[in-house]
Structures are given as C-alpha cells and as structure tokens.
Amino acid sequence: MNKLTRREFLRSATAGISALVLQQLLAACGQEPPEATAGVGAAPTQAKSPTETMAEQDSTQPAPQASEQPPLESQATQTPVRSLPDLVVARGGEPEALVRQALAALGGMERFVPKGARVVVKPNICVAYHTYEYAATTNPWVVGALVKLALEAGAKSVQVFDYPFGGSPEEAYTRSGIAEQVTAAGGEMVVMPAFKYVTAKIPHGVDLKKTEAYQDALNTDVLIDVPIAKHHGSARLTLGMKNLMGLILNRSAIHRNLGQRIADLASLFRPSLTVVDAVRILMDNGPTGGDLNDVKKLDTVIASPDIVAADSYATRLFGLVPEDVAYIPAAAAMGLGRSDLNGLKIEEIAVGA
C-alpha cells in the first residue's frame, strides 16, 4: 500500500469527526483545513462582521433580569392637569367662605398675585350714608377676604380705595364697614388725592381716547375689581366694568355714549381678577339705593379673570342677558373678554351644602 501523506492520513482517520474538531486538529499540525465534503462538515460560511459576532455572543448570554425601574414612559407619567373654569359661581355661605372657595376653584389667589406684588383692590364705595345692608356698597367681608388671600399669596402690599360721590371718602370708608375689615385683614385704606390723577391715553379706546386716571391703579402689579351687583339708572347695571369709573376723575364725560366709553375704560385698566359681590344685590333705585325693599339677599359670589364673562353672568341675577347692558357687548366686540355664556366653562359651588 502506498505510503499515505500526513493530510490523507488525517482525512481518513477523522472521518465522521465534526468539522470543528477536524479544523482544530489540522491547525495543531500546521495544515490548512480541507474543503468541506459530504459527511464531513457544513459548507463554508462567510466571515461574520463584528456586529454579527457581538449579536451571536449576546444571544448566548443568559437573559437579563427584568428591571425594577419602569420604562421612561412610565417614569414620566404626568399627573393630569385639571382644566380650570373660565368662571366660578359660589353660593350659599358666609362672604369669606364664598370668596375663598371661588378663588380655590379658579386655581388659588397665587394664580393672580405673584409673591412680592403690589395689589390694589377696587370695591364700590359710592356713598357715605348707607351701610352695606342697603347694597349700594360692596360687602365688607368680601373685600376683607380678598385682602387676606392676596397677602397669604405673598403680596408685598394691598391697597383699597374708591372715589365716593356721596360724602367724604373717610366717612364712606367707615360707614360701609370696608375700612374696618381691610385694616383687620392687614390691608391699607387709601384716600385718593387729586395730585395722583394723570392723563392716560387709551390706545384701544373706540370713543374715549384719554382720561384722568388714578396713577396707583394704573401702575399697580395686580388690580382686583370687586363691584357690588346693583341696578343703575343710566347703565342699567353696575358690575365690574362700570365699577372702574371710580378710578377716574371726570366721570361726567363717561356718560356720553356710556356703554362704549365704559368698555373703553375697561381696556385701559384690565383687572387681573373680577369678583362680583352678589351677597346682597340692589334690584332698583340704584346706584345709591336707600330702601331695603329693593335689596335681594343671594349669598353669591361670581369670580373670573374675564371681566366681560363675570359681568355677563351677573346679568342673570336680574333676569337679564348680556345684550341688555350696553357696555358688555361693546367690550366683547373689542376683544376684552367673552360674553357668550354657552361657550364658557362655568363651575358652580354650593358652599353651604
């Protein structure tokens, strides 16, 4: 028998041995591996890329234990943000409770009063000869509650003032009961001196282009408008926008084209918050009243950052609609707020329940 070469010997001796073992034996002998033949090994394979090799190595590793940490999507789960109402109506409680719950539903006074802010609260204190029971002046506990809430929110100062046309400011402040409640709450009652009125242009005014306005009301960080809801002989109702007339010197000029000029005035001051006092409302013989038979006790507060919306809702208390009060549609047409109550998100709260 012919002498076998080393390669032939190995090939015959390793018949049936796996291709991998064969390759290892040949490599040990310094020989190149033979081409694969039937029964000896698999067909040759292409060289694998580093990525493929790593993938194969990873596939041989034991499966990692499930992480106790949730995926990023779960970690970033957000608490649903409550959609705040456009307007809140609180009914059936004491004045301070009405104000507090209405403001809480709107997102809290912190929404309107930044820390360190200078705040002005503008009530209606039109006369010095009626107490709050006659519904000619804003309820003193409503005003006091707003002062408290502003200070609790971190206001630097809270001033309260109005320009009465019946009696002196000092008498009106005292007689209304507002001075007592404001002082007790930590606010400051201010008499409005004549030298602090300045000529203010009204850039967006349709009919009223300028007026003599009280400087501190123009320059404050936050203006809170808190009218009492009452009948008015000329404007039909005194509400949020009409209440701003107490911040100007020449009020007789406003009474020409009254509805539009009140709306123009609202475009100048733009309160951050309007709170309509309807604890007691004056149904007739306004704005001064004087007959308790004209007063209706409702124990209600209406609050909104939208002065047009607040005034629009308040017309319901008198059996009216927004279009019945000329300054409301005029202000809505100017883009100062919304008068369509059907399009508003309104939250009603029963405080005494």
Protein backbone atom coordinates (compact mmCIF):
# COMPACT_ATOMS: atom_id res chain seq x y z
CA MET A 1 0.00 0.00 0.00
CA ASN A 2 1.23 3.35 -0.97
CA LYS A 3 2.55 5.48 1.76
CA LEU A 4 -0.09 7.97 2.93
CA THR A 5 0.67 11.58 3.20
CA ARG A 6 0.01 13.26 6.50
CA ARG A 7 -3.04 15.12 5.08
CA GLU A 8 -4.54 11.89 3.63
CA PHE A 9 -3.97 10.05 6.90
CA LEU A 10 -5.66 12.69 8.90
CA ARG A 11 -8.55 12.89 6.48
CA SER A 12 -9.22 9.16 6.67
CA ALA A 13 -8.66 8.95 10.39
CA THR A 14 -11.04 11.67 11.15
CA ALA A 15 -13.91 10.59 9.00
CA GLY A 16 -17.07 11.24 10.95
CA ILE A 17 -15.39 13.71 13.26
CA SER A 18 -17.10 17.04 13.35
CA ALA A 19 -15.75 19.74 11.11
CA LEU A 20 -14.92 21.88 14.10
CA VAL A 21 -12.77 19.13 15.70
CA LEU A 22 -11.13 18.46 12.38
CA GLN A 23 -10.23 22.08 11.94
CA GLN A 24 -8.68 22.14 15.41
CA LEU A 25 -6.57 19.02 14.68
CA LEU A 26 -5.32 20.32 11.36
CA ALA A 27 -4.49 23.67 12.90
CA ALA A 28 -2.45 21.86 15.56
CA CYS A 29 -0.49 20.17 12.79
CA GLY A 30 0.07 23.40 10.92
CA GLN A 31 -2.19 22.29 8.00
CA GLU A 32 -4.91 24.31 6.21
CA PRO A 33 -8.40 22.93 6.76
CA PRO A 34 -9.73 20.87 3.78
CA GLU A 35 -12.76 21.89 1.75
CA ALA A 36 -15.92 20.56 3.34
CA THR A 37 -17.22 17.31 1.85
CA ALA A 38 -20.45 15.45 2.34
CA GLY A 39 -20.50 13.70 5.68
CA VAL A 40 -17.52 15.64 6.92
CA GLY A 41 -18.68 19.17 7.66
CA ALA A 42 -21.01 22.01 6.76
CA ALA A 43 -20.47 24.25 3.77
CA PRO A 44 -18.03 27.06 4.36
CA THR A 45 -19.51 30.19 5.83
CA GLN A 46 -18.82 33.85 5.17
CA ALA A 47 -16.76 35.70 7.73
CA LYS A 48 -19.02 37.49 10.18
CA SER A 49 -18.87 41.18 10.83
CA PRO A 50 -18.05 42.42 14.35
CA THR A 51 -21.68 43.44 14.78
CA GLU A 52 -22.93 39.96 13.85
CA THR A 53 -20.36 38.33 16.11
CA MET A 54 -21.43 40.53 19.04
CA ALA A 55 -25.08 39.70 18.36
CA GLU A 56 -24.28 35.97 18.48
CA GLN A 57 -22.34 36.40 21.70
CA ASP A 58 -25.20 38.33 23.23
CA SER A 59 -27.60 35.59 22.23
CA THR A 60 -25.60 33.07 24.23
CA GLN A 61 -25.74 35.14 27.38
CA PRO A 62 -28.45 34.48 29.95
CA ALA A 63 -31.48 36.77 29.61
CA PRO A 64 -31.18 39.80 31.87
CA GLN A 65 -33.47 40.00 34.82
CA ALA A 66 -36.41 42.35 34.40
CA SER A 67 -35.51 45.78 35.69
CA GLU A 68 -37.42 47.04 38.68
CA GLN A 69 -37.33 50.55 37.17
CA PRO A 70 -40.29 51.33 34.90
CA PRO A 71 -39.60 52.42 31.33
CA LEU A 72 -39.07 56.12 30.74
CA GLU A 73 -42.61 56.48 29.55
CA SER A 74 -43.86 55.18 32.87
CA GLN A 75 -41.39 57.25 34.86
CA ALA A 76 -42.61 60.36 33.07
CA THR A 77 -46.25 59.65 33.82
CA GLN A 78 -47.76 63.07 34.42
CA THR A 79 -50.49 63.91 36.86
CA PRO A 80 -53.47 65.08 34.81
CA VAL A 81 -53.80 68.85 35.00
CA ARG A 82 -57.27 69.97 35.98
CA SER A 83 -58.77 72.26 33.40
CA LEU A 84 -59.58 75.47 35.23
CA PRO A 85 -63.00 77.03 34.76
CA ASP A 86 -63.49 80.34 32.99
CA LEU A 87 -65.82 81.48 35.74
CA VAL A 88 -66.87 80.29 39.18
CA VAL A 89 -70.14 80.93 40.99
CA ALA A 90 -70.17 80.20 44.74
CA ARG A 91 -73.46 80.20 46.59
CA GLY A 92 -74.93 79.63 49.99
CA GLY A 93 -72.25 80.52 52.53
CA GLU A 94 -70.73 83.34 54.51
CA PRO A 95 -68.97 86.02 52.43
CA GLU A 96 -65.40 84.97 53.24
CA ALA A 97 -66.16 81.30 52.59
CA LEU A 98 -67.75 82.23 49.26
CA VAL A 99 -64.65 84.15 48.20
CA ARG A 100 -62.19 81.51 49.36
CA GLN A 101 -63.93 78.63 47.64
CA ALA A 102 -64.48 80.58 44.43
CA LEU A 103 -60.78 81.51 44.26
CA ALA A 104 -59.69 77.98 45.11
CA ALA A 105 -61.73 76.68 42.18
CA LEU A 106 -60.05 79.23 39.89
CA GLY A 107 -56.62 77.91 40.84
CA GLY A 108 -55.98 79.92 44.01
CA MET A 109 -55.07 83.55 44.55
CA GLU A 110 -51.46 82.60 43.74
CA ARG A 111 -52.56 82.37 40.13
CA PHE A 112 -53.24 86.11 40.13
CA VAL A 113 -50.90 87.52 42.78
CA PRO A 114 -47.16 86.80 42.44
CA LYS A 115 -45.01 86.94 45.56
CA GLY A 116 -43.88 90.49 46.29
CA ALA A 117 -46.62 92.04 44.14
CA ARG A 118 -48.28 95.35 44.86
CA VAL A 119 -52.03 94.78 44.82
CA VAL A 120 -54.95 97.17 44.52
CA VAL A 121 -58.46 96.02 45.45
CA LYS A 122 -61.16 98.27 43.99
CA PRO A 123 -64.56 97.97 45.70
CA ASN A 124 -67.64 100.11 45.13
CA ILE A 125 -67.94 102.65 47.97
CA CYS A 126 -70.18 105.17 46.26
CA VAL A 127 -71.85 106.88 49.24
CA ALA A 128 -71.21 107.69 52.87
CA TYR A 129 -74.80 107.48 54.10
CA HIS A 130 -75.69 103.77 53.77
CA THR A 131 -74.36 100.68 55.48
CA TYR A 132 -73.66 97.53 53.46
CA GLU A 133 -77.16 96.16 54.15
CA TYR A 134 -78.55 98.60 51.55
CA ALA A 135 -76.43 97.02 48.78
CA ALA A 136 -75.08 100.33 47.49
CA THR A 137 -71.53 99.43 48.56
CA THR A 138 -69.50 96.24 48.26
CA ASN A 139 -69.87 93.77 51.12
CA PRO A 140 -67.02 94.50 53.58
CA TRP A 141 -66.30 90.83 54.32
CA VAL A 142 -65.91 90.09 50.62
CA VAL A 143 -63.33 92.88 50.39
CA GLY A 144 -61.58 91.74 53.56
CA ALA A 145 -61.36 88.17 52.27
CA LEU A 146 -59.67 89.32 49.07
CA VAL A 147 -57.12 91.31 51.08
CA LYS A 148 -56.37 88.25 53.23
CA LEU A 149 -55.98 85.98 50.23
CA ALA A 150 -53.67 88.42 48.45
CA LEU A 151 -51.42 88.69 51.49
CA GLU A 152 -51.49 84.92 52.01
CA ALA A 153 -50.34 84.56 48.40
CA GLY A 154 -47.30 86.70 49.22
CA ALA A 155 -48.36 90.19 48.16
CA LYS A 156 -45.99 92.92 49.30
CA SER A 157 -48.87 95.33 49.94
CA VAL A 158 -52.61 95.58 49.40
CA GLN A 159 -54.26 98.97 48.99
CA VAL A 160 -58.01 99.52 48.87
CA PHE A 161 -59.63 102.71 47.57
CA ASP A 162 -62.56 104.26 45.74
CA TYR A 163 -63.79 107.71 44.83
CA PRO A 164 -67.20 108.17 46.51
CA PHE A 165 -69.56 110.77 45.09
CA GLY A 166 -71.77 110.95 48.16
CA GLY A 167 -70.00 112.19 51.31
CA SER A 168 -66.28 112.22 52.11
CA PRO A 169 -64.06 109.21 51.42
CA GLU A 170 -63.26 108.82 55.13
CA GLU A 171 -66.95 108.77 56.03
CA ALA A 172 -67.80 106.38 53.20
CA TYR A 173 -64.96 104.02 54.06
CA THR A 174 -66.12 103.86 57.68
CA ARG A 175 -69.87 103.76 57.08
CA SER A 176 -69.60 100.95 54.56
CA GLY A 177 -67.71 98.79 57.06
CA ILE A 178 -64.97 98.24 54.49
CA ALA A 179 -62.27 100.18 56.34
CA GLU A 180 -62.65 98.01 59.43
CA GLN A 181 -62.40 94.73 57.50
CA VAL A 182 -59.50 95.87 55.34
CA THR A 183 -57.48 97.05 58.33
CA ALA A 184 -58.20 93.83 60.22
CA ALA A 185 -57.03 91.81 57.22
CA GLY A 186 -53.72 93.68 57.01
CA GLY A 187 -54.52 95.95 54.06
CA GLU A 188 -54.37 99.73 53.73
CA MET A 189 -57.32 102.05 53.08
CA VAL A 190 -56.18 104.95 50.92
CA VAL A 191 -57.89 108.26 50.24
CA MET A 192 -57.28 109.15 46.58
CA PRO A 193 -55.58 112.57 46.43
CA ALA A 194 -56.20 114.77 43.38
CA PHE A 195 -52.50 115.15 42.57
CA LYS A 196 -52.22 111.42 41.81
CA TYR A 197 -54.51 111.60 38.77
CA VAL A 198 -52.63 111.63 35.49
CA THR A 199 -53.69 111.99 31.87
CA ALA A 200 -53.79 108.49 30.45
CA LYS A 201 -54.15 107.68 26.79
CA ILE A 202 -56.48 104.81 25.92
CA PRO A 203 -54.80 103.22 22.89
CA HIS A 204 -57.61 100.79 22.15
CA GLY A 205 -60.47 103.12 23.00
CA VAL A 206 -63.17 103.28 20.36
CA ASP A 207 -64.76 106.53 21.57
CA LEU A 208 -62.86 107.52 24.71
CA LYS A 209 -59.24 108.22 23.79
CA LYS A 210 -57.89 109.60 27.08
CA THR A 211 -58.96 110.27 30.66
CA GLU A 212 -57.64 111.49 34.00
CA ALA A 213 -56.89 108.20 35.75
CA TYR A 214 -55.63 107.40 39.22
CA GLN A 215 -51.91 106.68 38.93
CA ASP A 216 -51.68 103.96 41.58
CA ALA A 217 -54.39 101.95 39.84
CA LEU A 218 -52.53 102.23 36.52
CA ASN A 219 -49.13 101.31 37.97
CA THR A 220 -50.08 98.51 40.35
CA ASP A 221 -48.87 94.97 39.69
CA VAL A 222 -52.32 93.47 40.23
CA LEU A 223 -55.74 95.10 40.08
CA ILE A 224 -58.66 93.21 41.62
CA ASP A 225 -62.08 94.60 40.75
CA VAL A 226 -64.79 93.84 43.32
CA PRO A 227 -68.06 95.55 42.47
CA ILE A 228 -71.41 95.00 44.08
CA ALA A 229 -74.07 93.91 41.61
CA LYS A 230 -76.74 96.60 41.55
CA HIS A 231 -79.24 98.47 39.44
CA HIS A 232 -78.12 101.69 37.78
CA GLY A 233 -80.42 104.32 36.34
CA SER A 234 -78.24 105.09 33.30
CA ALA A 235 -76.13 101.99 32.66
CA ARG A 236 -78.91 99.60 33.73
CA LEU A 237 -76.49 97.66 35.95
CA THR A 238 -73.34 98.46 37.88
CA LEU A 239 -70.98 95.49 37.56
CA GLY A 240 -67.24 95.01 37.06
CA MET A 241 -66.65 97.35 34.14
CA LYS A 242 -68.92 100.09 35.47
CA ASN A 243 -67.09 99.91 38.81
CA LEU A 244 -63.87 101.07 37.12
CA MET A 245 -65.35 104.55 36.82
CA GLY A 246 -64.30 105.07 40.43
CA LEU A 247 -60.69 105.21 39.19
CA ILE A 248 -61.07 108.32 37.03
CA LEU A 249 -61.56 111.99 37.85
CA ASN A 250 -64.03 113.23 35.23
CA ARG A 251 -66.88 110.75 35.39
CA SER A 252 -69.41 113.05 33.75
CA ALA A 253 -67.56 112.65 30.43
CA ILE A 254 -68.16 108.90 30.53
CA HIS A 255 -71.93 109.34 30.49
CA ARG A 256 -71.87 110.42 26.84
CA ASN A 257 -72.07 107.20 24.82
CA LEU A 258 -71.97 105.46 28.17
CA GLY A 259 -71.84 101.83 27.06
CA GLN A 260 -68.92 102.24 24.67
CA ARG A 261 -66.99 104.54 26.97
CA ILE A 262 -67.24 102.12 29.89
CA ALA A 263 -65.87 99.42 27.59
CA ASP A 264 -63.07 101.80 26.54
CA LEU A 265 -62.25 102.36 30.20
CA ALA A 266 -62.07 98.61 30.77
CA SER A 267 -59.46 98.40 28.01
CA LEU A 268 -57.30 100.85 29.96
CA PHE A 269 -57.31 99.18 33.40
CA ARG A 270 -57.72 95.47 32.52
CA PRO A 271 -58.17 93.95 36.03
CA SER A 272 -56.41 90.64 36.66
CA LEU A 273 -59.42 89.35 38.55
CA THR A 274 -63.06 90.39 38.87
CA VAL A 275 -65.12 89.28 41.86
CA VAL A 276 -68.76 90.32 41.70
CA ASP A 277 -70.32 90.69 45.15
CA ALA A 278 -73.86 89.35 45.00
CA VAL A 279 -74.25 88.62 48.69
CA ARG A 280 -76.91 91.31 48.58
CA ILE A 281 -77.92 92.91 45.30
CA LEU A 282 -79.80 96.15 44.67
CA MET A 283 -82.70 95.44 42.32
CA ASP A 284 -83.94 99.00 41.85
CA ASN A 285 -83.25 102.67 42.57
CA GLY A 286 -79.54 102.33 42.02
CA PRO A 287 -76.83 103.26 42.26
CA THR A 288 -77.41 104.73 45.75
CA GLY A 289 -80.50 102.83 46.89
CA GLY A 290 -81.82 103.53 50.34
CA ASP A 291 -84.78 101.16 50.59
CA LEU A 292 -84.26 97.69 51.99
CA ASN A 293 -87.26 96.51 49.96
CA ASP A 294 -85.07 96.94 46.86
CA VAL A 295 -82.45 94.59 48.27
CA LYS A 296 -82.34 90.87 47.47
CA LYS A 297 -80.13 88.56 49.54
CA LEU A 298 -78.48 85.93 47.34
CA ASP A 299 -75.33 84.94 49.26
CA THR A 300 -73.47 84.59 45.96
CA VAL A 301 -70.05 85.50 44.59
CA ILE A 302 -69.03 85.40 40.91
CA ALA A 303 -65.29 85.27 40.14
CA SER A 304 -63.40 85.25 36.86
CA PRO A 305 -60.20 86.56 35.27
CA ASP A 306 -62.50 87.62 32.41
CA ILE A 307 -64.33 90.82 33.37
CA VAL A 308 -66.72 90.51 30.42
CA ALA A 309 -67.66 86.97 31.41
CA ALA A 310 -68.19 87.97 35.05
CA ASP A 311 -70.46 90.85 34.07
CA SER A 312 -72.29 88.68 31.55
CA TYR A 313 -73.12 86.04 34.13
CA ALA A 314 -74.17 88.67 36.68
CA THR A 315 -76.94 89.90 34.36
CA ARG A 316 -78.74 86.62 35.10
CA LEU A 317 -79.21 87.70 38.69
CA PHE A 318 -81.51 90.45 37.43
CA GLY A 319 -83.36 88.36 34.85
CA LEU A 320 -81.40 89.99 32.02
CA VAL A 321 -78.98 88.87 29.31
CA PRO A 322 -75.59 90.42 28.44
CA GLU A 323 -77.02 92.31 25.47
CA ASP A 324 -79.30 94.23 27.84
CA VAL A 325 -76.29 96.08 29.31
CA ALA A 326 -74.66 98.15 26.56
CA TYR A 327 -71.08 98.02 27.82
CA ILE A 328 -70.99 94.20 27.79
CA PRO A 329 -71.42 93.61 24.03
CA ALA A 330 -69.25 96.68 23.39
CA ALA A 331 -66.40 95.17 25.42
CA ALA A 332 -66.85 91.76 23.81
CA ALA A 333 -66.64 93.38 20.36
CA MET A 334 -63.33 94.97 21.44
CA GLY A 335 -61.94 91.57 22.39
CA LEU A 336 -61.79 92.33 26.12
CA GLY A 337 -63.49 89.11 27.10
CA ARG A 338 -66.29 86.67 26.29
CA SER A 339 -69.99 87.29 26.74
CA ASP A 340 -71.25 84.01 25.28
CA LEU A 341 -72.05 82.07 28.44
CA ASN A 342 -72.77 78.89 26.47
CA GLY A 343 -69.16 78.84 25.34
CA LEU A 344 -67.72 79.23 28.84
CA LYS A 345 -66.65 76.58 31.32
CA ILE A 346 -68.62 77.58 34.40
CA GLU A 347 -68.22 75.89 37.78
CA GLU A 348 -70.96 76.35 40.35
CA ILE A 349 -70.27 75.63 44.01
CA ALA A 350 -72.75 75.14 46.82
CA VAL A 351 -70.70 76.42 49.76
CA GLY A 352 -73.24 75.78 52.49
CA ALA A 353 -74.01 72.22 51.34
